[in-house]
Amino acid sequence: MSDCIRIDKAACIGCGMCVKDCPHHAIVLKDKIAEMKLDRCMECGHCVAVCPKAAVSMNGYAMDEVKEYDRDTFTIAPETFLNNIKFRRSIRHYKNMPVEHEKIMQIIDAGRYTPTGSNKQRIRYVVAEHPEDNIEKDAIITFRKIKSVTDVVGKFIKLPIDTRKYQVDKGFFFQGAPTAIFVISDDTVDAALASTNMGTMAESLGLGVLYVGFFVRAARINKTIRKKLSITGKERLVTAIAIGYPDAHYKRTVPRKPAKVQWL
């Protein structure tokens, strides 16, 4: 039997909602009371969320983090949400202000609560304050080597990105941002989805973000950076997110090309 899920038999009313909603069918009703079957639980927490009587809890998790649903504070108007997405800009000018640790943790929480495939939750985060001083130098050395090759190749073949126009000096990657968060996982999709929510959370806190793809490319082949980020085994750096208070103030959204949509 699973030692993760606890069911308060006195509180359970036998409604069967947890049985119906369990992705692994790990819960059954016995004598009109919910009960765990064999240890097949993926620890997704659906049973906790769906129980009308809060009769289910999970060992090894902070149950005081669980919040009761409130429509007024849990929902976002669709138009407001879409406008937030439309207004988002990649920030390359930051104020000389540190980002509070409390806000950094809120951003990481947005990643932590992003759903992962089969609820693996195999994402970790490395926070670098003053990234241009403590981690960017190694990436610059590597990216200059990459650029020396792509600059030549780009004269003869059209590459996805023309590196010839870039001047790779201090600040090239993080653009003066006071903080960077590195999102590391063995699952690229899970980490990318978490990173998107982290960016949205950062903006809700009055911060600006830049997803630094060039740094990721350099870091994946630089052993020194991999060691600093403690990357081992199948792990990989998926995103590098520069974060800080923006020193640019935008007045409107920008246009985008029409979506390519196919209906089946």
C-alpha atoms as a PDB file:
ATOM      1  CA  MET A   1       0.000   0.000   0.000  1.00  0.00           C
ATOM      2  CA  SER A   2       1.181   3.506  -0.735  1.00  0.00           C
ATOM      3  CA  ASP A   3       2.769   5.271   2.226  1.00  0.00           C
ATOM      4  CA  CYS A   4       2.360   8.661   0.543  1.00  0.00           C
ATOM      5  CA  ILE A   5      -1.416   9.104   0.572  1.00  0.00           C
ATOM      6  CA  ARG A   6      -3.302   9.295   3.849  1.00  0.00           C
ATOM      7  CA  ILE A   7      -7.081   9.114   3.934  1.00  0.00           C
ATOM      8  CA  ASP A   8      -8.972  10.268   7.005  1.00  0.00           C
ATOM      9  CA  LYS A   9     -11.634   7.585   7.225  1.00  0.00           C
ATOM     10  CA  ALA A  10     -13.658   9.637   9.692  1.00  0.00           C
ATOM     11  CA  ALA A  11     -13.862  12.547   7.240  1.00  0.00           C
ATOM     12  CA  CYS A  12     -14.336  10.498   4.054  1.00  0.00           C
ATOM     13  CA  ILE A  13     -17.961  10.446   2.831  1.00  0.00           C
ATOM     14  CA  GLY A  14     -17.420   7.810   0.141  1.00  0.00           C
ATOM     15  CA  CYS A  15     -18.330  10.110  -2.750  1.00  0.00           C
ATOM     16  CA  GLY A  16     -15.842   8.360  -5.017  1.00  0.00           C
ATOM     17  CA  MET A  17     -14.462  11.535  -6.586  1.00  0.00           C
ATOM     18  CA  CYS A  18     -10.876  10.552  -5.741  1.00  0.00           C
ATOM     19  CA  VAL A  19     -11.431   7.112  -7.231  1.00  0.00           C
ATOM     20  CA  LYS A  20     -12.769   8.618 -10.455  1.00  0.00           C
ATOM     21  CA  ASP A  21     -10.059  11.248 -10.812  1.00  0.00           C
ATOM     22  CA  CYS A  22      -6.970   9.189  -9.919  1.00  0.00           C
ATOM     23  CA  PRO A  23      -4.821   8.871 -13.104  1.00  0.00           C
ATOM     24  CA  HIS A  24      -3.357   5.532 -11.968  1.00  0.00           C
ATOM     25  CA  HIS A  25      -6.589   4.115 -10.503  1.00  0.00           C
ATOM     26  CA  ALA A  26      -4.761   3.646  -7.227  1.00  0.00           C
ATOM     27  CA  ILE A  27      -7.793   4.328  -5.012  1.00  0.00           C
ATOM     28  CA  VAL A  28     -10.874   2.182  -4.484  1.00  0.00           C
ATOM     29  CA  LEU A  29     -13.994   2.393  -2.366  1.00  0.00           C
ATOM     30  CA  LYS A  30     -14.209  -0.282   0.316  1.00  0.00           C
ATOM     31  CA  ASP A  31     -17.278  -0.324   2.514  1.00  0.00           C
ATOM     32  CA  LYS A  32     -18.061   3.146   1.109  1.00  0.00           C
ATOM     33  CA  ILE A  33     -14.723   4.545   2.304  1.00  0.00           C
ATOM     34  CA  ALA A  34     -11.801   5.494   0.047  1.00  0.00           C
ATOM     35  CA  GLU A  35      -8.759   3.274   0.369  1.00  0.00           C
ATOM     36  CA  MET A  36      -5.403   3.003  -1.400  1.00  0.00           C
ATOM     37  CA  LYS A  37      -4.685  -0.098  -3.435  1.00  0.00           C
ATOM     38  CA  LEU A  38      -1.157  -1.251  -4.223  1.00  0.00           C
ATOM     39  CA  ASP A  39       1.718   1.213  -4.300  1.00  0.00           C
ATOM     40  CA  ARG A  40       0.960   2.665  -7.730  1.00  0.00           C
ATOM     41  CA  CYS A  41       0.647   6.306  -6.667  1.00  0.00           C
ATOM     42  CA  MET A  42       2.362   8.953  -8.838  1.00  0.00           C
ATOM     43  CA  GLU A  43       1.889  11.575  -6.103  1.00  0.00           C
ATOM     44  CA  CYS A  44       0.079  13.997  -8.425  1.00  0.00           C
ATOM     45  CA  GLY A  45      -2.212  15.237  -5.646  1.00  0.00           C
ATOM     46  CA  HIS A  46      -5.447  14.996  -7.637  1.00  0.00           C
ATOM     47  CA  CYS A  47      -7.076  13.172  -4.757  1.00  0.00           C
ATOM     48  CA  VAL A  48      -6.116  16.008  -2.398  1.00  0.00           C
ATOM     49  CA  ALA A  49      -7.516  18.619  -4.773  1.00  0.00           C
ATOM     50  CA  VAL A  50     -10.791  16.890  -5.619  1.00  0.00           C
ATOM     51  CA  CYS A  51     -11.899  15.707  -2.169  1.00  0.00           C
ATOM     52  CA  PRO A  52     -14.897  17.776  -0.989  1.00  0.00           C
ATOM     53  CA  LYS A  53     -14.087  17.115   2.677  1.00  0.00           C
ATOM     54  CA  ALA A  54     -10.280  17.572   2.653  1.00  0.00           C
ATOM     55  CA  ALA A  55      -9.999  13.980   3.851  1.00  0.00           C
ATOM     56  CA  VAL A  56      -6.849  13.262   1.840  1.00  0.00           C
ATOM     57  CA  SER A  57      -3.306  14.362   2.641  1.00  0.00           C
ATOM     58  CA  MET A  58       0.179  13.415   1.444  1.00  0.00           C
ATOM     59  CA  ASN A  59       3.183  12.347   3.502  1.00  0.00           C
ATOM     60  CA  GLY A  60       6.438  14.092   2.664  1.00  0.00           C
ATOM     61  CA  TYR A  61       4.755  17.255   1.402  1.00  0.00           C
ATOM     62  CA  ALA A  62       4.031  20.562   3.106  1.00  0.00           C
ATOM     63  CA  MET A  63       0.273  20.342   3.441  1.00  0.00           C
ATOM     64  CA  ASP A  64       0.152  23.877   4.804  1.00  0.00           C
ATOM     65  CA  GLU A  65       0.867  25.004   1.230  1.00  0.00           C
ATOM     66  CA  VAL A  66      -2.486  23.626   0.097  1.00  0.00           C
ATOM     67  CA  LYS A  67      -5.061  26.383  -0.488  1.00  0.00           C
ATOM     68  CA  GLU A  68      -8.809  26.184  -0.792  1.00  0.00           C
ATOM     69  CA  TYR A  69     -10.155  27.270  -4.178  1.00  0.00           C
ATOM     70  CA  ASP A  70     -11.502  30.812  -4.330  1.00  0.00           C
ATOM     71  CA  ARG A  71     -12.815  31.996  -7.681  1.00  0.00           C
ATOM     72  CA  ASP A  72     -12.031  35.655  -7.041  1.00  0.00           C
ATOM     73  CA  THR A  73      -8.322  35.047  -6.371  1.00  0.00           C
ATOM     74  CA  PHE A  74      -7.694  31.938  -8.486  1.00  0.00           C
ATOM     75  CA  THR A  75      -8.998  33.008 -11.883  1.00  0.00           C
ATOM     76  CA  ILE A  76      -7.738  35.515 -14.459  1.00  0.00           C
ATOM     77  CA  ALA A  77      -9.988  37.219 -16.995  1.00  0.00           C
ATOM     78  CA  PRO A  78      -9.140  35.806 -20.467  1.00  0.00           C
ATOM     79  CA  GLU A  79      -8.694  39.263 -22.017  1.00  0.00           C
ATOM     80  CA  THR A  80      -6.355  40.335 -19.213  1.00  0.00           C
ATOM     81  CA  PHE A  81      -4.297  37.178 -19.546  1.00  0.00           C
ATOM     82  CA  LEU A  82      -3.964  37.518 -23.315  1.00  0.00           C
ATOM     83  CA  ASN A  83      -3.050  41.199 -23.016  1.00  0.00           C
ATOM     84  CA  ASN A  84      -0.316  40.257 -20.555  1.00  0.00           C
ATOM     85  CA  ILE A  85       1.128  37.843 -23.116  1.00  0.00           C
ATOM     86  CA  LYS A  86       0.867  40.391 -25.926  1.00  0.00           C
ATOM     87  CA  PHE A  87       2.605  43.087 -23.888  1.00  0.00           C
ATOM     88  CA  ARG A  88       5.558  40.939 -22.827  1.00  0.00           C
ATOM     89  CA  ARG A  89       8.933  42.158 -24.116  1.00  0.00           C
ATOM     90  CA  SER A  90      12.404  40.665 -23.833  1.00  0.00           C
ATOM     91  CA  ILE A  91      14.211  43.105 -21.556  1.00  0.00           C
ATOM     92  CA  ARG A  92      17.773  44.154 -22.391  1.00  0.00           C
ATOM     93  CA  HIS A  93      18.012  47.251 -20.211  1.00  0.00           C
ATOM     94  CA  TYR A  94      17.892  46.863 -16.430  1.00  0.00           C
ATOM     95  CA  LYS A  95      18.041  49.226 -13.492  1.00  0.00           C
ATOM     96  CA  ASN A  96      20.944  48.888 -11.084  1.00  0.00           C
ATOM     97  CA  MET A  97      18.705  47.325  -8.443  1.00  0.00           C
ATOM     98  CA  PRO A  98      18.943  43.883  -6.841  1.00  0.00           C
ATOM     99  CA  VAL A  99      16.010  41.502  -7.045  1.00  0.00           C
ATOM    100  CA  GLU A 100      14.606  40.591  -3.645  1.00  0.00           C
ATOM    101  CA  HIS A 101      15.076  36.972  -2.607  1.00  0.00           C
ATOM    102  CA  GLU A 102      11.383  36.724  -1.757  1.00  0.00           C
ATOM    103  CA  LYS A 103      10.486  37.558  -5.352  1.00  0.00           C
ATOM    104  CA  ILE A 104      13.043  35.091  -6.693  1.00  0.00           C
ATOM    105  CA  MET A 105      11.419  32.345  -4.636  1.00  0.00           C
ATOM    106  CA  GLN A 106       7.969  33.333  -5.925  1.00  0.00           C
ATOM    107  CA  ILE A 107       9.295  32.995  -9.463  1.00  0.00           C
ATOM    108  CA  ILE A 108      10.730  29.576  -8.676  1.00  0.00           C
ATOM    109  CA  ASP A 109       7.420  28.560  -7.103  1.00  0.00           C
ATOM    110  CA  ALA A 110       5.747  29.337 -10.441  1.00  0.00           C
ATOM    111  CA  GLY A 111       8.100  26.805 -11.993  1.00  0.00           C
ATOM    112  CA  ARG A 112       7.709  24.331  -9.140  1.00  0.00           C
ATOM    113  CA  TYR A 113       3.920  24.240  -9.519  1.00  0.00           C
ATOM    114  CA  THR A 114       4.000  23.855 -13.302  1.00  0.00           C
ATOM    115  CA  PRO A 115       2.723  20.366 -14.223  1.00  0.00           C
ATOM    116  CA  THR A 116       5.384  17.866 -15.319  1.00  0.00           C
ATOM    117  CA  GLY A 117       4.989  14.706 -17.385  1.00  0.00           C
ATOM    118  CA  SER A 118       3.880  11.813 -15.137  1.00  0.00           C
ATOM    119  CA  ASN A 119       4.436  14.234 -12.241  1.00  0.00           C
ATOM    120  CA  LYS A 120       8.194  13.579 -12.365  1.00  0.00           C
ATOM    121  CA  GLN A 121       9.037  16.974 -10.806  1.00  0.00           C
ATOM    122  CA  ARG A 122      12.642  16.542 -11.924  1.00  0.00           C
ATOM    123  CA  ILE A 123      13.503  20.192 -12.369  1.00  0.00           C
ATOM    124  CA  ARG A 124      15.974  22.153 -10.314  1.00  0.00           C
ATOM    125  CA  TYR A 125      17.003  25.783 -10.244  1.00  0.00           C
ATOM    126  CA  VAL A 126      20.325  27.556  -9.820  1.00  0.00           C
ATOM    127  CA  VAL A 127      20.237  31.253  -8.932  1.00  0.00           C
ATOM    128  CA  ALA A 128      23.186  33.448  -9.855  1.00  0.00           C
ATOM    129  CA  GLU A 129      23.392  36.978  -8.526  1.00  0.00           C
ATOM    130  CA  HIS A 130      25.679  39.235 -10.577  1.00  0.00           C
ATOM    131  CA  PRO A 131      25.855  36.593 -13.331  1.00  0.00           C
ATOM    132  CA  GLU A 132      28.160  38.736 -15.474  1.00  0.00           C
ATOM    133  CA  ASP A 133      30.817  38.485 -12.770  1.00  0.00           C
ATOM    134  CA  ASN A 134      30.570  34.857 -11.702  1.00  0.00           C
ATOM    135  CA  ILE A 135      29.511  32.801 -14.720  1.00  0.00           C
ATOM    136  CA  GLU A 136      29.383  34.811 -17.938  1.00  0.00           C
ATOM    137  CA  LYS A 137      33.147  34.906 -18.598  1.00  0.00           C
ATOM    138  CA  ASP A 138      33.315  31.185 -19.303  1.00  0.00           C
ATOM    139  CA  ALA A 139      30.391  31.407 -21.720  1.00  0.00           C
ATOM    140  CA  ILE A 140      31.986  34.311 -23.593  1.00  0.00           C
ATOM    141  CA  ILE A 141      35.139  32.279 -24.228  1.00  0.00           C
ATOM    142  CA  THR A 142      33.105  29.368 -25.601  1.00  0.00           C
ATOM    143  CA  PHE A 143      30.711  31.472 -27.652  1.00  0.00           C
ATOM    144  CA  ARG A 144      33.573  33.358 -29.294  1.00  0.00           C
ATOM    145  CA  LYS A 145      34.883  30.004 -30.518  1.00  0.00           C
ATOM    146  CA  ILE A 146      31.443  29.095 -31.839  1.00  0.00           C
ATOM    147  CA  LYS A 147      31.141  32.495 -33.490  1.00  0.00           C
ATOM    148  CA  SER A 148      34.522  32.200 -35.208  1.00  0.00           C
ATOM    149  CA  VAL A 149      33.165  29.170 -37.067  1.00  0.00           C
ATOM    150  CA  THR A 150      29.624  30.393 -37.777  1.00  0.00           C
ATOM    151  CA  ASP A 151      30.897  33.773 -38.996  1.00  0.00           C
ATOM    152  CA  VAL A 152      32.844  32.016 -41.745  1.00  0.00           C
ATOM    153  CA  VAL A 153      30.138  29.483 -42.582  1.00  0.00           C
ATOM    154  CA  GLY A 154      27.545  32.277 -42.656  1.00  0.00           C
ATOM    155  CA  LYS A 155      29.297  33.857 -45.624  1.00  0.00           C
ATOM    156  CA  PHE A 156      28.417  30.859 -47.760  1.00  0.00           C
ATOM    157  CA  ILE A 157      25.346  29.295 -46.147  1.00  0.00           C
ATOM    158  CA  LYS A 158      22.274  30.975 -44.696  1.00  0.00           C
ATOM    159  CA  LEU A 159      22.225  30.012 -41.027  1.00  0.00           C
ATOM    160  CA  PRO A 160      19.196  30.317 -38.690  1.00  0.00           C
ATOM    161  CA  ILE A 161      21.060  33.120 -36.862  1.00  0.00           C
ATOM    162  CA  ASP A 162      23.686  35.391 -38.382  1.00  0.00           C
ATOM    163  CA  THR A 163      26.310  35.698 -35.633  1.00  0.00           C
ATOM    164  CA  ARG A 164      28.443  38.170 -37.592  1.00  0.00           C
ATOM    165  CA  LYS A 165      26.467  41.137 -36.276  1.00  0.00           C
ATOM    166  CA  TYR A 166      27.134  40.352 -32.610  1.00  0.00           C
ATOM    167  CA  GLN A 167      29.920  41.843 -30.477  1.00  0.00           C
ATOM    168  CA  VAL A 168      30.621  39.274 -27.774  1.00  0.00           C
ATOM    169  CA  ASP A 169      31.867  41.256 -24.780  1.00  0.00           C
ATOM    170  CA  LYS A 170      30.919  41.505 -21.110  1.00  0.00           C
ATOM    171  CA  GLY A 171      27.171  41.869 -20.788  1.00  0.00           C
ATOM    172  CA  PHE A 172      26.494  40.138 -24.097  1.00  0.00           C
ATOM    173  CA  PHE A 173      24.470  37.371 -22.469  1.00  0.00           C
ATOM    174  CA  PHE A 174      22.766  38.911 -19.435  1.00  0.00           C
ATOM    175  CA  GLN A 175      22.536  42.526 -20.589  1.00  0.00           C
ATOM    176  CA  GLY A 176      23.236  43.924 -17.135  1.00  0.00           C
ATOM    177  CA  ALA A 177      20.541  41.909 -15.341  1.00  0.00           C
ATOM    178  CA  PRO A 178      21.348  41.579 -11.613  1.00  0.00           C
ATOM    179  CA  THR A 179      20.058  38.010 -11.381  1.00  0.00           C
ATOM    180  CA  ALA A 180      19.839  34.904 -13.541  1.00  0.00           C
ATOM    181  CA  ILE A 181      17.962  31.693 -12.893  1.00  0.00           C
ATOM    182  CA  PHE A 182      19.138  28.529 -14.629  1.00  0.00           C
ATOM    183  CA  VAL A 183      16.490  25.859 -15.154  1.00  0.00           C
ATOM    184  CA  ILE A 184      17.966  22.360 -15.271  1.00  0.00           C
ATOM    185  CA  SER A 185      16.254  19.045 -15.990  1.00  0.00           C
ATOM    186  CA  ASP A 186      16.486  15.777 -17.870  1.00  0.00           C
ATOM    187  CA  ASP A 187      13.182  16.668 -19.541  1.00  0.00           C
ATOM    188  CA  THR A 188      13.345  19.631 -21.909  1.00  0.00           C
ATOM    189  CA  VAL A 189       9.577  20.014 -22.286  1.00  0.00           C
ATOM    190  CA  ASP A 190       8.886  20.053 -18.542  1.00  0.00           C
ATOM    191  CA  ALA A 191      11.618  22.625 -17.912  1.00  0.00           C
ATOM    192  CA  ALA A 192      10.556  24.825 -20.828  1.00  0.00           C
ATOM    193  CA  LEU A 193       6.953  24.913 -19.616  1.00  0.00           C
ATOM    194  CA  ALA A 194       8.120  25.791 -16.103  1.00  0.00           C
ATOM    195  CA  SER A 195      10.322  28.546 -17.506  1.00  0.00           C
ATOM    196  CA  THR A 196       7.380  30.122 -19.323  1.00  0.00           C
ATOM    197  CA  ASN A 197       5.362  30.331 -16.117  1.00  0.00           C
ATOM    198  CA  MET A 198       8.397  31.730 -14.312  1.00  0.00           C
ATOM    199  CA  GLY A 199       8.656  34.535 -16.840  1.00  0.00           C
ATOM    200  CA  THR A 200       4.976  35.371 -16.449  1.00  0.00           C
ATOM    201  CA  MET A 201       5.342  35.391 -12.668  1.00  0.00           C
ATOM    202  CA  ALA A 202       8.386  37.661 -12.850  1.00  0.00           C
ATOM    203  CA  GLU A 203       6.468  40.200 -14.890  1.00  0.00           C
ATOM    204  CA  SER A 204       3.548  40.113 -12.450  1.00  0.00           C
ATOM    205  CA  LEU A 205       6.098  41.160  -9.794  1.00  0.00           C
ATOM    206  CA  GLY A 206       7.178  44.189 -11.809  1.00  0.00           C
ATOM    207  CA  LEU A 207      10.307  42.513 -13.164  1.00  0.00           C
ATOM    208  CA  GLY A 208      11.548  41.989 -16.697  1.00  0.00           C
ATOM    209  CA  VAL A 209      13.025  38.828 -18.174  1.00  0.00           C
ATOM    210  CA  LEU A 210      15.222  37.723 -21.044  1.00  0.00           C
ATOM    211  CA  TYR A 211      15.552  34.093 -22.080  1.00  0.00           C
ATOM    212  CA  VAL A 212      19.240  33.819 -22.944  1.00  0.00           C
ATOM    213  CA  GLY A 213      19.449  31.133 -25.595  1.00  0.00           C
ATOM    214  CA  PHE A 214      23.034  31.885 -26.611  1.00  0.00           C
ATOM    215  CA  PHE A 215      24.205  31.234 -23.052  1.00  0.00           C
ATOM    216  CA  VAL A 216      22.466  27.857 -23.052  1.00  0.00           C
ATOM    217  CA  ARG A 217      24.262  26.885 -26.263  1.00  0.00           C
ATOM    218  CA  ALA A 218      27.627  27.843 -24.831  1.00  0.00           C
ATOM    219  CA  ALA A 219      26.951  26.220 -21.455  1.00  0.00           C
ATOM    220  CA  ARG A 220      26.066  22.856 -22.951  1.00  0.00           C
ATOM    221  CA  ILE A 221      29.606  22.410 -24.297  1.00  0.00           C
ATOM    222  CA  ASN A 222      31.529  24.240 -21.579  1.00  0.00           C
ATOM    223  CA  LYS A 223      32.664  21.832 -18.854  1.00  0.00           C
ATOM    224  CA  THR A 224      33.438  24.637 -16.404  1.00  0.00           C
ATOM    225  CA  ILE A 225      29.899  25.991 -16.569  1.00  0.00           C
ATOM    226  CA  ARG A 226      28.405  22.517 -16.306  1.00  0.00           C
ATOM    227  CA  LYS A 227      30.481  21.970 -13.170  1.00  0.00           C
ATOM    228  CA  LYS A 228      29.387  25.287 -11.645  1.00  0.00           C
ATOM    229  CA  LEU A 229      25.759  24.326 -12.276  1.00  0.00           C
ATOM    230  CA  SER A 230      26.386  20.780 -10.956  1.00  0.00           C
ATOM    231  CA  ILE A 231      25.004  19.254 -14.154  1.00  0.00           C
ATOM    232  CA  THR A 232      25.508  15.502 -14.286  1.00  0.00           C
ATOM    233  CA  GLY A 233      24.149  12.458 -16.064  1.00  0.00           C
ATOM    234  CA  LYS A 234      21.173  13.105 -18.327  1.00  0.00           C
ATOM    235  CA  GLU A 235      20.559  16.577 -16.953  1.00  0.00           C
ATOM    236  CA  ARG A 236      20.910  19.583 -19.214  1.00  0.00           C
ATOM    237  CA  LEU A 237      20.578  23.319 -18.899  1.00  0.00           C
ATOM    238  CA  VAL A 238      17.259  24.044 -20.591  1.00  0.00           C
ATOM    239  CA  THR A 239      16.843  27.779 -20.044  1.00  0.00           C
ATOM    240  CA  ALA A 240      18.828  30.683 -18.669  1.00  0.00           C
ATOM    241  CA  ILE A 241      16.569  33.503 -17.523  1.00  0.00           C
ATOM    242  CA  ALA A 242      17.972  36.986 -16.928  1.00  0.00           C
ATOM    243  CA  ILE A 243      15.819  38.839 -14.387  1.00  0.00           C
ATOM    244  CA  GLY A 244      15.778  42.393 -13.089  1.00  0.00           C
ATOM    245  CA  TYR A 245      13.844  45.639 -12.871  1.00  0.00           C
ATOM    246  CA  PRO A 246      13.415  46.931 -16.441  1.00  0.00           C
ATOM    247  CA  ASP A 247      14.881  50.268 -17.445  1.00  0.00           C
ATOM    248  CA  ALA A 248      12.647  50.461 -20.488  1.00  0.00           C
ATOM    249  CA  HIS A 249       8.980  51.433 -20.417  1.00  0.00           C
ATOM    250  CA  TYR A 250       6.811  50.207 -23.255  1.00  0.00           C
ATOM    251  CA  LYS A 251       3.573  51.942 -24.203  1.00  0.00           C
ATOM    252  CA  ARG A 252       1.814  49.348 -26.329  1.00  0.00           C
ATOM    253  CA  THR A 253       1.845  45.827 -27.716  1.00  0.00           C
ATOM    254  CA  VAL A 254       3.440  44.914 -31.050  1.00  0.00           C
ATOM    255  CA  PRO A 255       1.991  43.143 -34.118  1.00  0.00           C
ATOM    256  CA  ARG A 256       2.575  39.498 -34.895  1.00  0.00           C
ATOM    257  CA  LYS A 257       2.166  37.410 -38.041  1.00  0.00           C
ATOM    258  CA  PRO A 258      -1.172  35.546 -38.357  1.00  0.00           C
ATOM    259  CA  ALA A 259      -1.241  32.122 -36.724  1.00  0.00           C
ATOM    260  CA  LYS A 260      -0.899  29.109 -39.000  1.00  0.00           C
ATOM    261  CA  VAL A 261      -3.851  26.940 -38.009  1.00  0.00           C
ATOM    262  CA  GLN A 262      -5.040  23.633 -39.409  1.00  0.00           C
ATOM    263  CA  TRP A 263      -8.415  22.248 -38.349  1.00  0.00           C
ATOM    264  CA  LEU A 264      -8.968  18.499 -38.492  1.00  0.00           C
END
